[in-house]
Amino acid sequence: MNRFKKFIFNGLLLSVVSLLMRFVGVSYNVYISNRVGAEAMGLFTLISTVYGFGVTLATSGINLASTRLVSEAIGEERSDRIRLIISKSILYSLFFSFLSSAALYFGAEQISVIFLKDKRCITSLKILALTLPPIALSSALGGYFSAVRKVYKNAATQIIGQAVKIFACSALLTLFFAGDVESACICIVLGGALAEFLSFLAELFMYLLDSSKGNRVKLHENEGKEISKKLRRIALPVAFSAYLRSGLITIEHILIPIGLEKSGRSREHSLAAYGTVHSMVFPVVLFPSAILSSFAGLLVPEISEAKARGDKREIERIISNVLEVALIFAIGTAGIMVFFSYELGRVIYPQTEAGKYIKMVAPLIPVMYLDTAVDAMLKGLGEQVYSMWVNIIDSSLSVILVIFLLPAFGIEGYIMTVYFTELINGALSITRLISVSKVKPSIYKNILIPLLSVVFSAIAVNLLSRLSLLDFLPSYFSLSADIITTVAIYLLLVFALGALRASKVKKGLKLMR
């Protein structure tokens, strides 16, 4: 299997798995929110933000470091170094994960009372603290599988983890849910913890099988020191960036319910509004990005290897193609979300305000999705320190805006905050990528044509739907038919108007034979 074919195969595999996981995840969120209520979802989201900071401390940039070091070893034809790279990555992961696990476990009470201002979080945080070591080790091993282009093994662990989480959470809620918010969070957290442990064991088993096939070569002690130094040089800047950003995000999310209360809402209504936006709206808005994220994750080893070989033309080709496809995909998705926002809200989360918030956030999709791809390409080019500062600026602005906007505007103030920070982040990242790579997207071909195409497609489908040909079908069938028709017309237009070149697609298909 050649490199291009392997890249496409891995990307499609990850996309399918990721879409499936997100579909299951959204369906699971619908089930959970209906079962435990918006307030419990809000409290669980609050717990998750603190947990997210713990995960950041535990992983400390190891996924990117292991991916890049293994990719560079392959590019330099030094595959004999790979086992040592992973050994160093595991030691690194163990150090940081046990440190963060202890801090979260023993600090759970203080965090809950002083920062979250809710004692109902204590038990959940202690349970989550125990999952940090297996998550960190999985992150190191996941970097290896990405670098050696065996992402189907990462996909397998995702499937195992999601299946265990859904089954375990459903069973725990059935057996032990006492009808209160605290027991709901504990049941959800326990199910997720079990899933993390089993996912790690599955990934470890697959790595041991994979690594046993290679020849064992004893390397000089200096090479081990050199690898450790390189690992720290890549991981620590990313880690410090992630610490600051995750810490700021945690502060931001702690302040959101407080700001909503200051706007005149009760604690219960504040948590419910917070849960609606974060646990219901954003999973729907970000659902299609699974496709883009899957391919973006594979760009780091591709660009890292090309850079190690000094192949500037290959780097420019990759970046140009990614920007072209990412913009077409993101603008199309944004248009569909805007035009079908209320229908999506009614079908997925009936009797909530989800549709209104989907419509508010959807125009920002091109920036959010493109930033995912740009961030991956910058990391592949070794620009992780720049990305670090951009992310810190983003998160710092978020905290400041949440403090001032939420008491005045409520949840709409938070939407305004998301817009402002995403636009700043996107502008800084894209400008840097253009400066480093010298690749510039076409405003007309890559932005204007997709924008006009999706508007025309959505309007045409809206007019067709007024003929009421599908009124006899359930709402989710008619909505699915409308979205599929819009996508088909949109793709025909972007091909016809030259935004996406048929010759490039044909060349790709030919290479895959």
Protein backbone atom coordinates (compact mmCIF):
# COMPACT_ATOMS: atom_id res chain seq x y z
CA MET A 1 0.00 0.00 0.00
CA ASN A 2 1.60 3.31 -1.10
CA ARG A 3 1.79 6.37 1.18
CA PHE A 4 -1.12 8.23 -0.39
CA LYS A 5 -3.37 5.20 -0.33
CA LYS A 6 -2.43 4.49 3.28
CA PHE A 7 -3.10 8.12 4.25
CA ILE A 8 -6.55 8.09 2.62
CA PHE A 9 -7.38 4.66 4.05
CA ASN A 10 -6.37 5.68 7.57
CA GLY A 11 -8.19 9.01 7.25
CA LEU A 12 -11.39 7.38 6.02
CA LEU A 13 -11.19 4.71 8.69
CA LEU A 14 -10.75 7.27 11.44
CA SER A 15 -13.50 9.43 9.94
CA VAL A 16 -15.99 6.56 9.88
CA VAL A 17 -15.08 5.52 13.41
CA SER A 18 -15.10 9.10 14.68
CA LEU A 19 -18.45 9.87 13.05
CA LEU A 20 -19.87 6.67 14.48
CA MET A 21 -18.49 7.52 17.91
CA ARG A 22 -19.86 11.04 17.75
CA PHE A 23 -23.24 9.83 16.54
CA VAL A 24 -23.33 7.38 19.42
CA GLY A 25 -22.05 10.13 21.72
CA VAL A 26 -24.77 12.59 20.70
CA SER A 27 -27.41 9.86 21.02
CA TYR A 28 -25.94 8.97 24.42
CA ASN A 29 -26.09 12.65 25.46
CA VAL A 30 -29.74 12.79 24.42
CA TYR A 31 -30.46 9.69 26.54
CA ILE A 32 -28.48 10.98 29.52
CA SER A 33 -29.94 14.50 29.40
CA ASN A 34 -33.46 13.09 29.19
CA ARG A 35 -32.69 10.75 32.09
CA VAL A 36 -30.91 13.10 34.52
CA GLY A 37 -31.94 16.59 33.37
CA ALA A 38 -30.13 19.74 32.20
CA GLU A 39 -28.94 20.71 35.70
CA ALA A 40 -27.09 17.39 36.15
CA MET A 41 -25.58 17.80 32.67
CA GLY A 42 -24.42 21.28 33.66
CA LEU A 43 -22.78 20.01 36.86
CA PHE A 44 -21.19 17.10 35.01
CA THR A 45 -19.80 19.55 32.43
CA LEU A 46 -18.37 21.63 35.26
CA ILE A 47 -16.71 18.53 36.75
CA SER A 48 -15.40 17.63 33.28
CA THR A 49 -13.62 20.98 32.87
CA VAL A 50 -11.60 20.37 36.06
CA TYR A 51 -10.98 16.80 34.93
CA GLY A 52 -9.85 18.15 31.55
CA PHE A 53 -7.15 20.17 33.32
CA GLY A 54 -6.08 17.00 35.14
CA VAL A 55 -5.84 15.13 31.82
CA THR A 56 -3.74 17.97 30.40
CA LEU A 57 -1.30 17.70 33.33
CA ALA A 58 -1.22 13.91 33.01
CA THR A 59 -0.50 13.79 29.27
CA SER A 60 1.78 16.88 29.16
CA GLY A 61 2.20 16.92 25.37
CA ILE A 62 3.26 13.27 25.10
CA ASN A 63 1.01 12.36 22.17
CA LEU A 64 2.55 14.93 19.84
CA ALA A 65 6.07 14.13 21.08
CA SER A 66 5.77 10.38 20.52
CA THR A 67 4.12 10.92 17.11
CA ARG A 68 6.81 13.31 15.91
CA LEU A 69 9.81 11.35 17.26
CA VAL A 70 8.59 8.06 15.78
CA SER A 71 7.75 9.82 12.47
CA GLU A 72 11.20 11.41 12.33
CA ALA A 73 12.85 8.06 13.11
CA ILE A 74 10.96 6.51 10.18
CA GLY A 75 11.82 9.45 7.91
CA GLU A 76 15.51 9.15 8.84
CA GLU A 77 15.34 5.34 8.41
CA ARG A 78 16.16 4.78 12.08
CA SER A 79 13.29 2.44 12.98
CA ASP A 80 15.65 0.73 15.47
CA ARG A 81 15.04 3.74 17.72
CA ILE A 82 11.25 3.36 17.90
CA ARG A 83 11.07 0.96 20.85
CA LEU A 84 13.38 3.20 22.90
CA ILE A 85 11.29 6.27 21.98
CA ILE A 86 8.14 4.59 23.29
CA SER A 87 9.91 3.43 26.46
CA LYS A 88 10.98 7.01 27.19
CA SER A 89 7.46 8.23 26.37
CA ILE A 90 5.94 5.75 28.85
CA LEU A 91 8.31 6.84 31.64
CA TYR A 92 7.48 10.47 30.91
CA SER A 93 3.74 9.67 31.02
CA LEU A 94 3.99 7.76 34.29
CA PHE A 95 5.77 10.64 36.03
CA PHE A 96 3.28 13.34 35.04
CA SER A 97 0.15 11.20 35.33
CA PHE A 98 0.82 9.97 38.88
CA LEU A 99 1.64 13.53 39.92
CA SER A 100 -1.61 14.91 38.51
CA SER A 101 -3.65 11.95 39.79
CA ALA A 102 -2.47 12.53 43.35
CA ALA A 103 -3.13 16.27 43.12
CA LEU A 104 -6.69 15.78 41.86
CA TYR A 105 -7.55 13.00 44.31
CA PHE A 106 -6.29 14.72 47.46
CA GLY A 107 -7.43 18.16 46.32
CA ALA A 108 -10.95 17.11 45.28
CA GLU A 109 -12.65 18.53 48.36
CA GLN A 110 -10.90 21.90 48.22
CA ILE A 111 -11.53 22.21 44.47
CA SER A 112 -15.23 21.41 44.89
CA VAL A 113 -15.87 23.70 47.85
CA ILE A 114 -13.61 26.66 47.03
CA PHE A 115 -13.66 26.79 43.22
CA LEU A 116 -16.72 24.90 41.98
CA LYS A 117 -18.76 25.96 45.02
CA ASP A 118 -20.57 22.64 44.96
CA LYS A 119 -19.84 19.73 47.35
CA ARG A 120 -21.64 17.36 45.01
CA CYS A 121 -18.48 17.26 42.84
CA ILE A 122 -16.12 15.70 45.44
CA THR A 123 -16.74 11.97 44.87
CA SER A 124 -16.82 12.32 41.08
CA LEU A 125 -13.47 14.12 41.02
CA LYS A 126 -11.85 11.44 43.21
CA ILE A 127 -13.05 8.69 40.88
CA LEU A 128 -11.80 10.59 37.80
CA ALA A 129 -8.36 11.11 39.42
CA LEU A 130 -7.75 7.34 39.21
CA THR A 131 -8.15 7.35 35.42
CA LEU A 132 -5.30 9.79 34.70
CA PRO A 133 -2.39 7.26 34.50
CA PRO A 134 -4.12 4.97 31.96
CA ILE A 135 -5.16 8.01 29.88
CA ALA A 136 -1.59 9.32 29.77
CA LEU A 137 -0.16 5.93 28.80
CA SER A 138 -2.83 5.53 26.10
CA SER A 139 -1.84 8.95 24.75
CA ALA A 140 1.80 7.89 24.39
CA LEU A 141 0.87 4.62 22.66
CA GLY A 142 -1.66 6.43 20.46
CA GLY A 143 1.15 8.66 19.16
CA TYR A 144 3.08 5.55 18.13
CA PHE A 145 0.15 4.08 16.18
CA SER A 146 -0.44 7.41 14.39
CA ALA A 147 3.20 7.65 13.38
CA VAL A 148 3.43 4.09 12.01
CA ARG A 149 0.12 4.57 10.13
CA LYS A 150 -1.73 1.90 12.08
CA VAL A 151 -4.52 4.17 13.23
CA TYR A 152 -7.03 1.34 12.99
CA LYS A 153 -5.65 0.25 16.37
CA ASN A 154 -6.46 3.67 17.83
CA ALA A 155 -9.89 3.36 16.23
CA ALA A 156 -10.41 -0.05 17.83
CA THR A 157 -9.69 1.31 21.30
CA GLN A 158 -12.11 4.21 20.71
CA ILE A 159 -14.86 1.75 19.81
CA ILE A 160 -14.13 -0.41 22.85
CA GLY A 161 -14.07 2.61 25.15
CA GLN A 162 -17.30 4.10 23.83
CA ALA A 163 -19.15 0.78 23.97
CA VAL A 164 -18.03 0.11 27.56
CA LYS A 165 -18.89 3.66 28.66
CA ILE A 166 -22.43 3.54 27.24
CA PHE A 167 -23.17 0.09 28.61
CA ALA A 168 -21.64 0.82 32.03
CA CYS A 169 -23.29 4.25 32.44
CA SER A 170 -26.70 2.94 31.38
CA ALA A 171 -26.42 0.01 33.79
CA LEU A 172 -25.24 2.20 36.67
CA LEU A 173 -28.01 4.74 36.12
CA THR A 174 -30.56 1.91 36.06
CA LEU A 175 -29.21 0.31 39.25
CA PHE A 176 -27.98 3.19 41.39
CA PHE A 177 -29.45 6.51 40.18
CA ALA A 178 -31.30 7.95 43.17
CA GLY A 179 -32.95 10.79 41.27
CA ASP A 180 -30.56 13.50 42.51
CA VAL A 181 -27.85 15.41 40.63
CA GLU A 182 -24.89 14.02 42.64
CA SER A 183 -25.74 10.34 42.12
CA ALA A 184 -26.32 11.04 38.40
CA CYS A 185 -22.82 12.48 38.04
CA ILE A 186 -21.24 9.59 40.00
CA CYS A 187 -22.92 7.00 37.76
CA ILE A 188 -21.76 8.79 34.58
CA VAL A 189 -18.23 9.21 35.94
CA LEU A 190 -17.90 5.58 37.03
CA GLY A 191 -18.97 4.34 33.61
CA GLY A 192 -16.42 6.60 31.93
CA ALA A 193 -13.65 5.52 34.32
CA LEU A 194 -14.21 1.85 33.57
CA ALA A 195 -14.08 2.63 29.85
CA GLU A 196 -10.71 4.42 30.20
CA PHE A 197 -9.11 1.48 32.02
CA LEU A 198 -10.31 -1.11 29.49
CA SER A 199 -9.32 1.11 26.53
CA PHE A 200 -5.79 1.39 27.91
CA LEU A 201 -5.49 -2.39 28.40
CA ALA A 202 -6.65 -2.95 24.80
CA GLU A 203 -4.15 -0.39 23.44
CA LEU A 204 -1.30 -1.82 25.52
CA PHE A 205 -2.08 -5.34 24.30
CA MET A 206 -2.03 -4.20 20.65
CA TYR A 207 1.25 -2.32 21.13
CA LEU A 208 2.94 -5.34 22.72
CA LEU A 209 1.84 -7.50 19.80
CA ASP A 210 3.05 -4.93 17.29
CA SER A 211 6.41 -4.24 18.94
CA SER A 212 7.21 -7.93 19.38
CA LYS A 213 7.52 -8.28 15.59
CA GLY A 214 10.56 -6.01 15.28
CA ASN A 215 14.20 -6.86 15.81
CA ARG A 216 15.62 -5.86 19.16
CA VAL A 217 18.66 -3.64 18.69
CA LYS A 218 20.74 -2.42 21.60
CA LEU A 219 21.39 1.29 21.25
CA HIS A 220 24.18 3.35 22.75
CA GLU A 221 23.41 5.05 26.06
CA ASN A 222 23.97 8.48 24.49
CA GLU A 223 21.14 7.79 22.04
CA GLY A 224 18.77 7.25 24.96
CA LYS A 225 19.79 10.61 26.44
CA GLU A 226 19.40 12.26 23.06
CA ILE A 227 15.88 10.85 22.66
CA SER A 228 14.91 11.97 26.16
CA LYS A 229 16.17 15.46 25.39
CA LYS A 230 14.27 15.61 22.09
CA LEU A 231 11.13 14.30 23.75
CA ARG A 232 11.25 17.00 26.41
CA ARG A 233 12.03 19.67 23.81
CA ILE A 234 8.87 18.79 21.87
CA ALA A 235 6.53 17.84 24.72
CA LEU A 236 7.29 20.47 27.36
CA PRO A 237 6.50 23.60 25.28
CA VAL A 238 3.24 21.92 24.26
CA ALA A 239 2.66 20.89 27.88
CA PHE A 240 3.24 24.38 29.30
CA SER A 241 0.96 25.82 26.64
CA ALA A 242 -1.67 23.22 27.45
CA TYR A 243 -1.30 23.85 31.21
CA LEU A 244 -1.92 27.55 30.79
CA ARG A 245 -4.69 27.13 28.26
CA SER A 246 -6.44 24.32 30.09
CA GLY A 247 -6.12 26.21 33.37
CA LEU A 248 -7.63 29.30 31.79
CA ILE A 249 -10.41 27.21 30.19
CA THR A 250 -11.15 25.67 33.59
CA ILE A 251 -11.33 29.12 35.17
CA GLU A 252 -13.56 30.30 32.32
CA HIS A 253 -15.98 27.41 32.75
CA ILE A 254 -16.09 27.83 36.51
CA LEU A 255 -16.97 31.49 35.95
CA ILE A 256 -19.77 30.77 33.44
CA PRO A 257 -22.41 29.57 35.96
CA ILE A 258 -21.31 32.34 38.34
CA GLY A 259 -21.71 34.95 35.59
CA LEU A 260 -25.11 33.54 34.62
CA GLU A 261 -26.23 33.79 38.24
CA LYS A 262 -25.14 37.44 38.27
CA SER A 263 -27.31 38.04 35.20
CA GLY A 264 -30.34 37.11 37.29
CA ARG A 265 -30.61 33.32 36.90
CA SER A 266 -30.80 30.87 39.80
CA ARG A 267 -28.03 28.29 40.36
CA GLU A 268 -30.27 25.58 38.91
CA HIS A 269 -31.15 27.59 35.79
CA SER A 270 -27.52 28.68 35.34
CA LEU A 271 -26.30 25.07 35.33
CA ALA A 272 -29.15 24.10 32.99
CA ALA A 273 -28.28 26.85 30.46
CA TYR A 274 -24.59 25.96 30.69
CA GLY A 275 -25.41 22.27 30.19
CA THR A 276 -27.61 23.04 27.16
CA VAL A 277 -24.88 24.94 25.32
CA HIS A 278 -21.93 22.69 26.20
CA SER A 279 -23.47 19.24 26.43
CA MET A 280 -26.11 19.60 23.70
CA VAL A 281 -25.29 22.37 21.22
CA PHE A 282 -21.52 22.08 20.78
CA PRO A 283 -21.58 18.28 20.23
CA VAL A 284 -24.05 18.84 17.36
CA VAL A 285 -22.13 21.77 15.86
CA LEU A 286 -18.81 19.91 16.06
CA PHE A 287 -20.23 16.55 14.95
CA PRO A 288 -19.20 16.83 11.24
CA SER A 289 -15.71 18.01 12.24
CA ALA A 290 -14.94 14.35 13.06
CA ILE A 291 -14.06 13.89 9.38
CA LEU A 292 -11.71 16.88 9.29
CA SER A 293 -10.17 16.08 12.69
CA SER A 294 -9.41 12.51 11.63
CA PHE A 295 -7.40 13.61 8.60
CA ALA A 296 -5.86 16.55 10.49
CA GLY A 297 -4.40 14.17 13.09
CA LEU A 298 -2.64 12.27 10.30
CA LEU A 299 -1.05 15.45 8.92
CA VAL A 300 1.45 15.74 11.79
CA PRO A 301 3.50 12.64 10.84
CA GLU A 302 3.13 13.36 7.09
CA ILE A 303 4.46 16.92 7.37
CA SER A 304 7.06 15.95 10.00
CA GLU A 305 8.53 13.31 7.68
CA ALA A 306 8.51 15.67 4.69
CA LYS A 307 10.29 18.29 6.79
CA ALA A 308 12.86 15.72 7.98
CA ARG A 309 13.58 14.95 4.28
CA GLY A 310 13.73 18.66 3.41
CA ASP A 311 10.95 18.22 0.83
CA LYS A 312 9.46 21.74 0.65
CA ARG A 313 7.41 21.01 -2.46
CA GLU A 314 5.64 18.12 -0.73
CA ILE A 315 4.88 20.31 2.30
CA GLU A 316 3.41 23.04 0.06
CA ARG A 317 1.31 20.46 -1.83
CA ILE A 318 -0.10 18.99 1.38
CA ILE A 319 -0.95 22.40 2.88
CA SER A 320 -2.54 23.69 -0.34
CA ASN A 321 -4.76 20.62 -0.71
CA VAL A 322 -5.78 20.61 2.95
CA LEU A 323 -6.77 24.30 2.95
CA GLU A 324 -8.81 23.81 -0.23
CA VAL A 325 -10.74 20.78 1.04
CA ALA A 326 -11.10 22.08 4.62
CA LEU A 327 -12.70 25.35 3.48
CA ILE A 328 -15.15 23.61 1.14
CA PHE A 329 -16.13 21.18 3.88
CA ALA A 330 -16.39 23.80 6.65
CA ILE A 331 -18.36 26.39 4.66
CA GLY A 332 -20.78 23.73 3.43
CA THR A 333 -21.31 22.44 6.96
CA ALA A 334 -21.86 25.96 8.31
CA GLY A 335 -24.49 26.69 5.69
CA ILE A 336 -26.39 23.49 6.43
CA MET A 337 -26.27 24.11 10.20
CA VAL A 338 -27.57 27.68 9.77
CA PHE A 339 -30.45 26.76 7.46
CA PHE A 340 -31.53 23.64 9.37
CA SER A 341 -30.69 24.76 12.92
CA TYR A 342 -34.21 24.83 14.36
CA GLU A 343 -35.14 21.53 12.70
CA LEU A 344 -32.00 19.92 14.15
CA GLY A 345 -32.83 21.28 17.59
CA ARG A 346 -36.40 19.99 17.45
CA VAL A 347 -35.39 16.52 16.24
CA ILE A 348 -32.36 15.96 18.50
CA TYR A 349 -33.27 17.91 21.65
CA PRO A 350 -37.04 18.56 21.65
CA GLN A 351 -38.47 21.02 24.17
CA THR A 352 -35.13 22.84 24.57
CA GLU A 353 -33.59 26.01 23.13
CA ALA A 354 -30.83 24.02 21.40
CA GLY A 355 -31.98 25.04 17.89
CA LYS A 356 -31.64 28.74 18.68
CA TYR A 357 -28.09 28.31 19.97
CA ILE A 358 -27.10 26.07 17.02
CA LYS A 359 -28.12 28.90 14.68
CA MET A 360 -26.08 31.38 16.73
CA VAL A 361 -22.88 29.28 16.73
CA ALA A 362 -23.09 27.79 13.19
CA PRO A 363 -21.66 30.82 11.26
CA LEU A 364 -18.44 30.35 13.24
CA ILE A 365 -17.95 26.78 11.96
CA PRO A 366 -15.54 27.66 9.07
CA VAL A 367 -13.14 29.31 11.52
CA MET A 368 -13.44 26.53 14.12
CA TYR A 369 -13.00 23.68 11.62
CA LEU A 370 -10.20 25.35 9.66
CA ASP A 371 -8.32 26.09 12.88
CA THR A 372 -8.27 22.33 13.62
CA ALA A 373 -6.47 21.61 10.35
CA VAL A 374 -4.18 24.63 10.59
CA ASP A 375 -3.14 23.74 14.14
CA ALA A 376 -2.17 20.21 13.04
CA MET A 377 -0.12 21.53 10.11
CA LEU A 378 1.70 24.04 12.32
CA LYS A 379 2.61 21.25 14.74
CA GLY A 380 3.92 19.16 11.86
CA LEU A 381 6.10 22.13 10.84
CA GLY A 382 7.49 22.41 14.38
CA GLU A 383 5.53 25.58 15.18
CA GLN A 384 4.06 24.24 18.42
CA VAL A 385 5.55 27.10 20.47
CA TYR A 386 3.74 29.67 18.32
CA SER A 387 0.52 27.68 18.67
CA MET A 388 1.14 27.69 22.41
CA TRP A 389 1.10 31.49 22.60
CA VAL A 390 -1.94 31.78 20.33
CA ASN A 391 -3.86 29.37 22.56
CA ILE A 392 -2.82 31.26 25.68
CA ILE A 393 -4.01 34.56 24.18
CA ASP A 394 -7.30 32.87 23.17
CA SER A 395 -7.94 31.49 26.65
CA SER A 396 -6.89 34.69 28.46
CA LEU A 397 -9.32 36.73 26.37
CA SER A 398 -12.06 34.17 27.09
CA VAL A 399 -11.68 34.58 30.84
CA ILE A 400 -11.73 38.39 30.62
CA LEU A 401 -14.78 38.47 28.34
CA VAL A 402 -16.71 35.94 30.45
CA ILE A 403 -16.18 38.12 33.52
CA PHE A 404 -17.58 41.24 31.82
CA LEU A 405 -20.10 39.94 29.26
CA LEU A 406 -22.02 37.19 31.08
CA PRO A 407 -23.41 39.31 33.94
CA ALA A 408 -24.65 41.82 31.34
CA PHE A 409 -25.87 39.56 28.52
CA GLY A 410 -26.33 36.11 30.07
CA ILE A 411 -25.73 33.04 27.88
CA GLU A 412 -25.69 35.25 24.76
CA GLY A 413 -22.63 36.95 26.29
CA TYR A 414 -20.90 33.59 26.30
CA ILE A 415 -21.71 33.09 22.60
CA MET A 416 -20.20 36.53 21.94
CA THR A 417 -17.08 35.42 23.83
CA VAL A 418 -16.74 32.28 21.70
CA TYR A 419 -17.01 34.36 18.51
CA PHE A 420 -14.40 36.90 19.50
CA THR A 421 -11.80 34.41 20.73
CA GLU A 422 -12.25 31.93 17.86
CA LEU A 423 -11.82 34.72 15.30
CA ILE A 424 -8.64 35.98 16.99
CA ASN A 425 -7.23 32.44 17.29
CA GLY A 426 -8.07 31.57 13.70
CA ALA A 427 -6.61 34.79 12.28
CA LEU A 428 -3.31 34.40 14.16
CA SER A 429 -2.91 30.70 13.27
CA ILE A 430 -3.80 31.05 9.58
CA THR A 431 -1.55 34.10 9.18
CA ARG A 432 1.37 32.13 10.66
CA LEU A 433 0.77 29.12 8.41
CA ILE A 434 0.71 31.33 5.30
CA SER A 435 3.88 33.10 6.44
CA VAL A 436 5.79 29.85 7.11
CA SER A 437 4.55 27.79 4.16
CA LYS A 438 4.07 30.57 1.54
CA VAL A 439 0.77 28.89 0.59
CA LYS A 440 -2.17 31.26 0.19
CA PRO A 441 -5.80 30.17 -0.30
CA SER A 442 -7.84 31.82 -3.06
CA ILE A 443 -10.61 34.09 -1.66
CA TYR A 444 -12.75 33.56 -4.77
CA LYS A 445 -12.27 29.84 -5.35
CA ASN A 446 -11.89 28.59 -1.78
CA ILE A 447 -14.32 30.90 0.05
CA LEU A 448 -16.73 32.81 -2.21
CA ILE A 449 -17.75 29.91 -4.49
CA PRO A 450 -18.45 27.48 -1.58
CA LEU A 451 -20.38 30.22 0.25
CA LEU A 452 -22.63 31.05 -2.70
CA SER A 453 -23.03 27.35 -3.52
CA VAL A 454 -24.28 26.37 -0.07
CA VAL A 455 -26.67 29.35 0.10
CA PHE A 456 -28.15 28.44 -3.29
CA SER A 457 -28.37 24.74 -2.34
CA ALA A 458 -30.15 25.40 0.95
CA ILE A 459 -32.62 27.85 -0.62
CA ALA A 460 -33.37 25.38 -3.43
CA VAL A 461 -34.02 22.55 -0.97
CA ASN A 462 -36.14 24.84 1.19
CA LEU A 463 -38.33 25.64 -1.81
CA LEU A 464 -38.58 21.95 -2.70
CA SER A 465 -39.55 21.02 0.85
CA ARG A 466 -42.52 23.40 0.63
CA LEU A 467 -44.07 21.05 -1.88
CA SER A 468 -44.73 18.82 1.16
CA LEU A 469 -43.76 15.62 -0.67
CA LEU A 470 -42.31 14.08 2.50
CA ASP A 471 -44.81 15.33 5.08
CA PHE A 472 -46.07 11.81 5.70
CA LEU A 473 -42.60 10.75 6.97
CA PRO A 474 -41.32 11.26 10.55
CA SER A 475 -39.52 14.60 10.98
CA TYR A 476 -36.06 13.04 11.28
CA PHE A 477 -36.49 11.27 7.90
CA SER A 478 -37.61 14.41 6.09
CA LEU A 479 -34.80 16.44 7.74
CA SER A 480 -32.23 13.79 6.72
CA ALA A 481 -33.57 13.86 3.13
CA ASP A 482 -33.33 17.67 3.03
CA ILE A 483 -29.74 17.67 4.33
CA ILE A 484 -28.61 14.92 1.92
CA THR A 485 -30.19 16.77 -1.02
CA THR A 486 -28.49 20.02 0.04
CA VAL A 487 -25.11 18.27 0.25
CA ALA A 488 -25.58 16.71 -3.21
CA ILE A 489 -26.47 20.04 -4.85
CA TYR A 490 -23.63 21.78 -3.01
CA LEU A 491 -21.03 19.25 -4.21
CA LEU A 492 -22.30 19.50 -7.79
CA LEU A 493 -21.96 23.28 -7.67
CA VAL A 494 -18.45 23.37 -6.17
CA PHE A 495 -17.29 20.92 -8.86
CA ALA A 496 -19.08 22.78 -11.65
CA LEU A 497 -17.73 26.17 -10.57
CA GLY A 498 -14.16 24.89 -10.17
CA ALA A 499 -13.76 25.21 -6.40
CA LEU A 500 -12.94 21.48 -6.25
CA ARG A 501 -11.08 20.08 -9.23
CA ALA A 502 -12.33 16.81 -10.67
CA SER A 503 -8.84 16.09 -12.04
CA LYS A 504 -7.41 16.12 -8.50
CA VAL A 505 -10.04 13.66 -7.29
CA LYS A 506 -9.40 11.39 -10.28
CA LYS A 507 -5.66 11.50 -9.63
CA GLY A 508 -6.25 10.54 -6.01
CA LEU A 509 -8.50 7.63 -6.97
CA LYS A 510 -5.94 6.46 -9.53
CA LEU A 511 -3.18 6.45 -6.89
CA MET A 512 -5.37 4.33 -4.63
CA ARG A 513 -5.69 1.49 -7.15
